[in-house]
């Protein structure tokens, strides 16, 4: 099955799942996000955010396609462009780092290595641009509240290290020198994997959540935290 990773832009923003297309968890402060949800304008706010970051900073996302169909995506941006980052208890993000905000893989593609492919694409892009590190807020208990935060166990499995522990929202970091070594280690394995990738006939069952999904929130599932997404 053929696959490829493409830069996220205004032309393919619609390839994000509808819930994620309308989610502004990271892109707006909690107060403005609540207002946008109330007015039903989260899709416009998401598009405006992407347009602004593209113009002022450049590429800030990747979409992975399998057999021509969108199967997952990742977003990253300078911390100043991510209002929610200031609300996280383990902030602030380091001044020399770009923030990886969210990564989602469709349930039917869970366990196929797409999360690692997206992480590799982020490392490759940021290294080429001279960024020193990438950081992320991890979710130590994924699936229990917010699916907009990447599971901490997955981040550790691809080379991130905890720099500020927390019982729920640890902040993790990857030095991009290490990222280059990690990229070299997994590149051949990824190539072999996707040369033989098969798509399951059935979609994964939805993961139960502790709280109802709010308007504009992402509800795609990650694979169990075994180090593969």
Protein backbone atom coordinates (compact mmCIF):
# COMPACT_ATOMS: atom_id res chain seq x y z
CA UNK A 1 0.00 0.00 0.00
CA UNK A 2 1.49 3.34 -1.04
CA UNK A 3 1.90 6.14 1.49
CA UNK A 4 3.35 9.62 1.67
CA UNK A 5 3.58 12.59 4.03
CA UNK A 6 2.59 16.07 2.80
CA UNK A 7 2.88 19.54 4.32
CA UNK A 8 -0.34 20.86 5.83
CA UNK A 9 -1.66 24.00 4.15
CA UNK A 10 -4.96 25.72 3.45
CA UNK A 11 -5.59 23.46 0.46
CA UNK A 12 -5.53 20.21 2.42
CA UNK A 13 -6.76 21.48 5.80
CA UNK A 14 -10.07 19.82 4.94
CA UNK A 15 -8.33 16.44 4.98
CA UNK A 16 -8.17 16.61 8.76
CA UNK A 17 -11.02 14.72 10.43
CA UNK A 18 -14.00 17.02 10.95
CA UNK A 19 -13.63 17.10 14.73
CA UNK A 20 -9.96 18.03 14.44
CA UNK A 21 -10.64 20.47 11.61
CA UNK A 22 -12.91 22.36 14.00
CA UNK A 23 -10.78 21.92 17.14
CA UNK A 24 -9.07 25.04 18.53
CA UNK A 25 -7.82 23.53 21.80
CA UNK A 26 -4.25 24.70 21.14
CA UNK A 27 -4.90 27.54 18.72
CA UNK A 28 -6.95 29.77 21.06
CA UNK A 29 -6.92 30.61 24.74
CA UNK A 30 -9.56 28.67 26.73
CA UNK A 31 -11.76 31.75 26.97
CA UNK A 32 -11.64 32.52 23.23
CA UNK A 33 -12.07 28.86 22.36
CA UNK A 34 -15.24 28.75 24.44
CA UNK A 35 -16.55 31.83 22.65
CA UNK A 36 -15.73 30.38 19.23
CA UNK A 37 -17.53 27.15 20.13
CA UNK A 38 -20.55 29.15 21.27
CA UNK A 39 -20.68 31.11 18.01
CA UNK A 40 -19.96 28.04 15.89
CA UNK A 41 -16.87 29.62 14.30
CA UNK A 42 -14.15 27.19 15.34
CA UNK A 43 -13.54 26.14 11.72
CA UNK A 44 -12.91 29.76 10.72
CA UNK A 45 -10.62 30.29 13.70
CA UNK A 46 -8.63 27.17 12.81
CA UNK A 47 -8.18 28.36 9.24
CA UNK A 48 -7.19 31.85 10.38
CA UNK A 49 -4.62 30.41 12.79
CA UNK A 50 -3.07 28.19 10.13
CA UNK A 51 -2.94 31.04 7.63
CA UNK A 52 -1.22 33.35 10.11
CA UNK A 53 1.40 30.80 11.14
CA UNK A 54 2.12 29.87 7.52
CA UNK A 55 2.67 33.53 6.62
CA UNK A 56 4.73 34.48 9.66
CA UNK A 57 6.72 31.29 10.33
CA UNK A 58 6.16 28.72 7.61
CA UNK A 59 5.11 25.08 7.51
CA UNK A 60 3.49 23.97 10.77
CA UNK A 61 1.95 20.59 10.08
CA UNK A 62 2.08 17.31 8.19
CA UNK A 63 -0.61 14.94 6.92
CA UNK A 64 0.12 11.28 6.21
CA UNK A 65 -1.81 9.58 3.39
CA UNK A 66 -2.14 5.82 2.90
CA UNK A 67 -3.43 4.69 -0.46
CA UNK A 68 -4.38 8.31 -1.17
CA UNK A 69 -6.59 8.60 1.92
CA UNK A 70 -5.68 10.87 4.87
CA UNK A 71 -4.72 8.66 7.80
CA UNK A 72 -3.24 11.03 10.38
CA UNK A 73 -1.67 14.42 11.00
CA UNK A 74 0.65 16.38 13.28
CA UNK A 75 0.80 20.09 14.16
CA UNK A 76 3.76 22.09 15.50
CA UNK A 77 4.50 25.80 15.89
CA UNK A 78 6.52 28.36 17.85
CA UNK A 79 5.23 28.54 21.45
CA UNK A 80 4.18 32.18 20.96
CA UNK A 81 1.66 30.97 18.38
CA UNK A 82 0.08 28.46 20.78
CA UNK A 83 -2.04 30.26 23.40
CA UNK A 84 -2.98 27.08 25.25
CA UNK A 85 0.70 26.44 26.04
CA UNK A 86 0.64 29.24 28.62
CA UNK A 87 -2.12 27.41 30.50
CA UNK A 88 -0.19 24.15 30.90
CA UNK A 89 1.17 23.54 34.42
CA UNK A 90 4.58 22.39 33.16
CA UNK A 91 5.22 25.41 30.93
CA UNK A 92 6.71 27.52 29.65
CA UNK A 93 8.22 25.88 26.59
CA UNK A 94 11.97 26.50 26.26
CA UNK A 95 12.93 29.54 24.20
CA UNK A 96 15.00 27.48 21.73
CA UNK A 97 12.27 24.92 21.03
CA UNK A 98 9.31 24.52 18.70
CA UNK A 99 6.18 23.04 20.28
CA UNK A 100 4.63 19.88 18.88
CA UNK A 101 1.01 20.38 19.86
CA UNK A 102 -1.01 17.43 18.67
CA UNK A 103 -0.78 14.25 16.64
CA UNK A 104 -3.68 12.06 15.61
CA UNK A 105 -3.88 8.75 13.73
CA UNK A 106 -7.20 7.33 12.54
CA UNK A 107 -8.21 4.23 14.53
CA UNK A 108 -8.22 1.98 11.46
CA UNK A 109 -4.53 2.77 10.90
CA UNK A 110 -3.51 2.31 14.53
CA UNK A 111 -0.37 0.23 15.03
CA UNK A 112 0.91 0.70 11.47
CA UNK A 113 3.76 3.04 12.44
CA UNK A 114 2.13 6.22 11.14
CA UNK A 115 2.83 8.11 14.38
CA UNK A 116 6.55 7.42 13.99
CA UNK A 117 6.41 8.50 10.35
CA UNK A 118 4.83 11.81 11.39
CA UNK A 119 7.37 12.33 14.17
CA UNK A 120 10.16 11.65 11.69
CA UNK A 121 8.70 14.24 9.30
CA UNK A 122 8.68 16.86 12.07
CA UNK A 123 12.31 16.12 12.99
CA UNK A 124 13.41 16.30 9.36
CA UNK A 125 11.66 19.63 8.74
CA UNK A 126 12.79 21.37 11.93
CA UNK A 127 16.38 20.14 11.60
CA UNK A 128 16.53 21.51 8.07
CA UNK A 129 15.30 24.87 9.40
CA UNK A 130 17.98 25.02 12.08
CA UNK A 131 15.70 24.54 15.10
CA UNK A 132 17.59 23.22 18.12
CA UNK A 133 14.86 21.22 19.84
CA UNK A 134 11.22 20.21 19.78
CA UNK A 135 9.11 19.99 22.92
CA UNK A 136 5.65 18.66 23.66
CA UNK A 137 3.22 18.45 26.54
CA UNK A 138 2.44 14.78 27.05
CA UNK A 139 -0.70 13.18 28.43
CA UNK A 140 0.21 10.69 31.15
CA UNK A 141 -3.34 9.28 31.13
CA UNK A 142 -4.43 9.34 27.47
CA UNK A 143 -8.08 8.85 26.65
CA UNK A 144 -9.40 10.07 29.98
CA UNK A 145 -9.93 13.75 29.18
CA UNK A 146 -8.28 15.39 26.19
CA UNK A 147 -7.37 13.63 22.96
CA UNK A 148 -5.69 16.85 21.79
CA UNK A 149 -2.54 16.04 23.78
CA UNK A 150 -0.06 13.38 22.60
CA UNK A 151 0.35 10.38 24.94
CA UNK A 152 3.53 10.80 26.97
CA UNK A 153 4.52 7.16 26.51
CA UNK A 154 4.48 7.53 22.73
CA UNK A 155 6.64 10.65 22.89
CA UNK A 156 9.19 8.80 25.01
CA UNK A 157 9.17 5.87 22.59
CA UNK A 158 10.34 8.10 19.72
CA UNK A 159 13.12 9.85 21.62
CA UNK A 160 11.59 12.59 23.77
CA UNK A 161 12.88 12.96 27.33
CA UNK A 162 10.94 14.36 30.26
CA UNK A 163 12.26 17.79 31.28
CA UNK A 164 9.50 18.71 33.71
CA UNK A 165 7.55 15.87 35.33
CA UNK A 166 3.87 16.10 36.18
CA UNK A 167 1.28 13.53 37.24
CA UNK A 168 -0.83 14.38 34.18
CA UNK A 169 0.86 16.86 31.82
CA UNK A 170 4.66 16.30 31.73
CA UNK A 171 6.72 18.44 29.34
CA UNK A 172 9.08 16.47 27.14
CA UNK A 173 11.92 17.49 24.84
CA UNK A 174 13.94 16.10 21.94
CA UNK A 175 17.28 17.63 21.09
CA UNK A 176 17.41 17.62 17.31
CA UNK A 177 20.98 16.34 17.30
CA UNK A 178 19.55 13.23 18.92
CA UNK A 179 16.64 13.46 16.52
CA UNK A 180 19.00 13.06 13.59
CA UNK A 181 20.44 9.90 15.11
CA UNK A 182 16.92 8.62 15.82
CA UNK A 183 15.90 9.40 12.25
CA UNK A 184 18.81 7.38 10.90
CA UNK A 185 17.94 4.43 13.13
CA UNK A 186 14.28 4.18 12.12
CA UNK A 187 14.31 5.32 8.49
CA UNK A 188 15.12 1.88 7.07
CA UNK A 189 12.64 0.22 9.39
CA UNK A 190 9.90 2.62 8.31
CA UNK A 191 10.65 1.99 4.65
CA UNK A 192 10.40 -1.75 5.18
CA UNK A 193 7.21 -1.35 7.20
CA UNK A 194 5.36 0.70 4.62
CA UNK A 195 6.43 -1.52 1.75
CA UNK A 196 4.37 -4.26 3.39
CA UNK A 197 1.67 -2.25 5.19
CA UNK A 198 -1.83 -3.73 5.17
CA UNK A 199 -5.00 -1.96 6.22
CA UNK A 200 -7.26 -3.75 8.71
CA UNK A 201 -10.75 -4.60 7.44
CA UNK A 202 -12.41 -3.29 10.61
CA UNK A 203 -11.97 0.06 12.33
CA UNK A 204 -10.79 0.05 15.90
CA UNK A 205 -13.56 0.39 18.47
CA UNK A 206 -13.94 3.91 19.91
CA UNK A 207 -12.08 4.42 23.20
CA UNK A 208 -14.41 5.21 26.12
CA UNK A 209 -13.87 8.65 27.56
CA UNK A 210 -14.44 9.88 31.08
CA UNK A 211 -16.14 13.08 29.97
CA UNK A 212 -18.45 13.87 27.03
CA UNK A 213 -16.75 15.28 23.95
CA UNK A 214 -17.03 19.04 23.81
CA UNK A 215 -17.69 20.95 20.64
CA UNK A 216 -14.59 21.37 18.54
CA UNK A 217 -12.50 18.73 20.31
CA UNK A 218 -10.55 15.91 18.66
CA UNK A 219 -11.73 12.38 19.37
CA UNK A 220 -9.55 10.16 17.21
CA UNK A 221 -7.79 7.32 18.95
CA UNK A 222 -4.12 6.58 19.48
CA UNK A 223 -2.87 3.05 19.70
CA UNK A 224 -2.35 1.78 23.26
CA UNK A 225 0.82 3.27 24.75
CA UNK A 226 3.17 0.50 23.63
CA UNK A 227 5.49 2.79 21.67
CA UNK A 228 3.71 2.43 18.30
CA UNK A 229 1.08 4.69 16.85
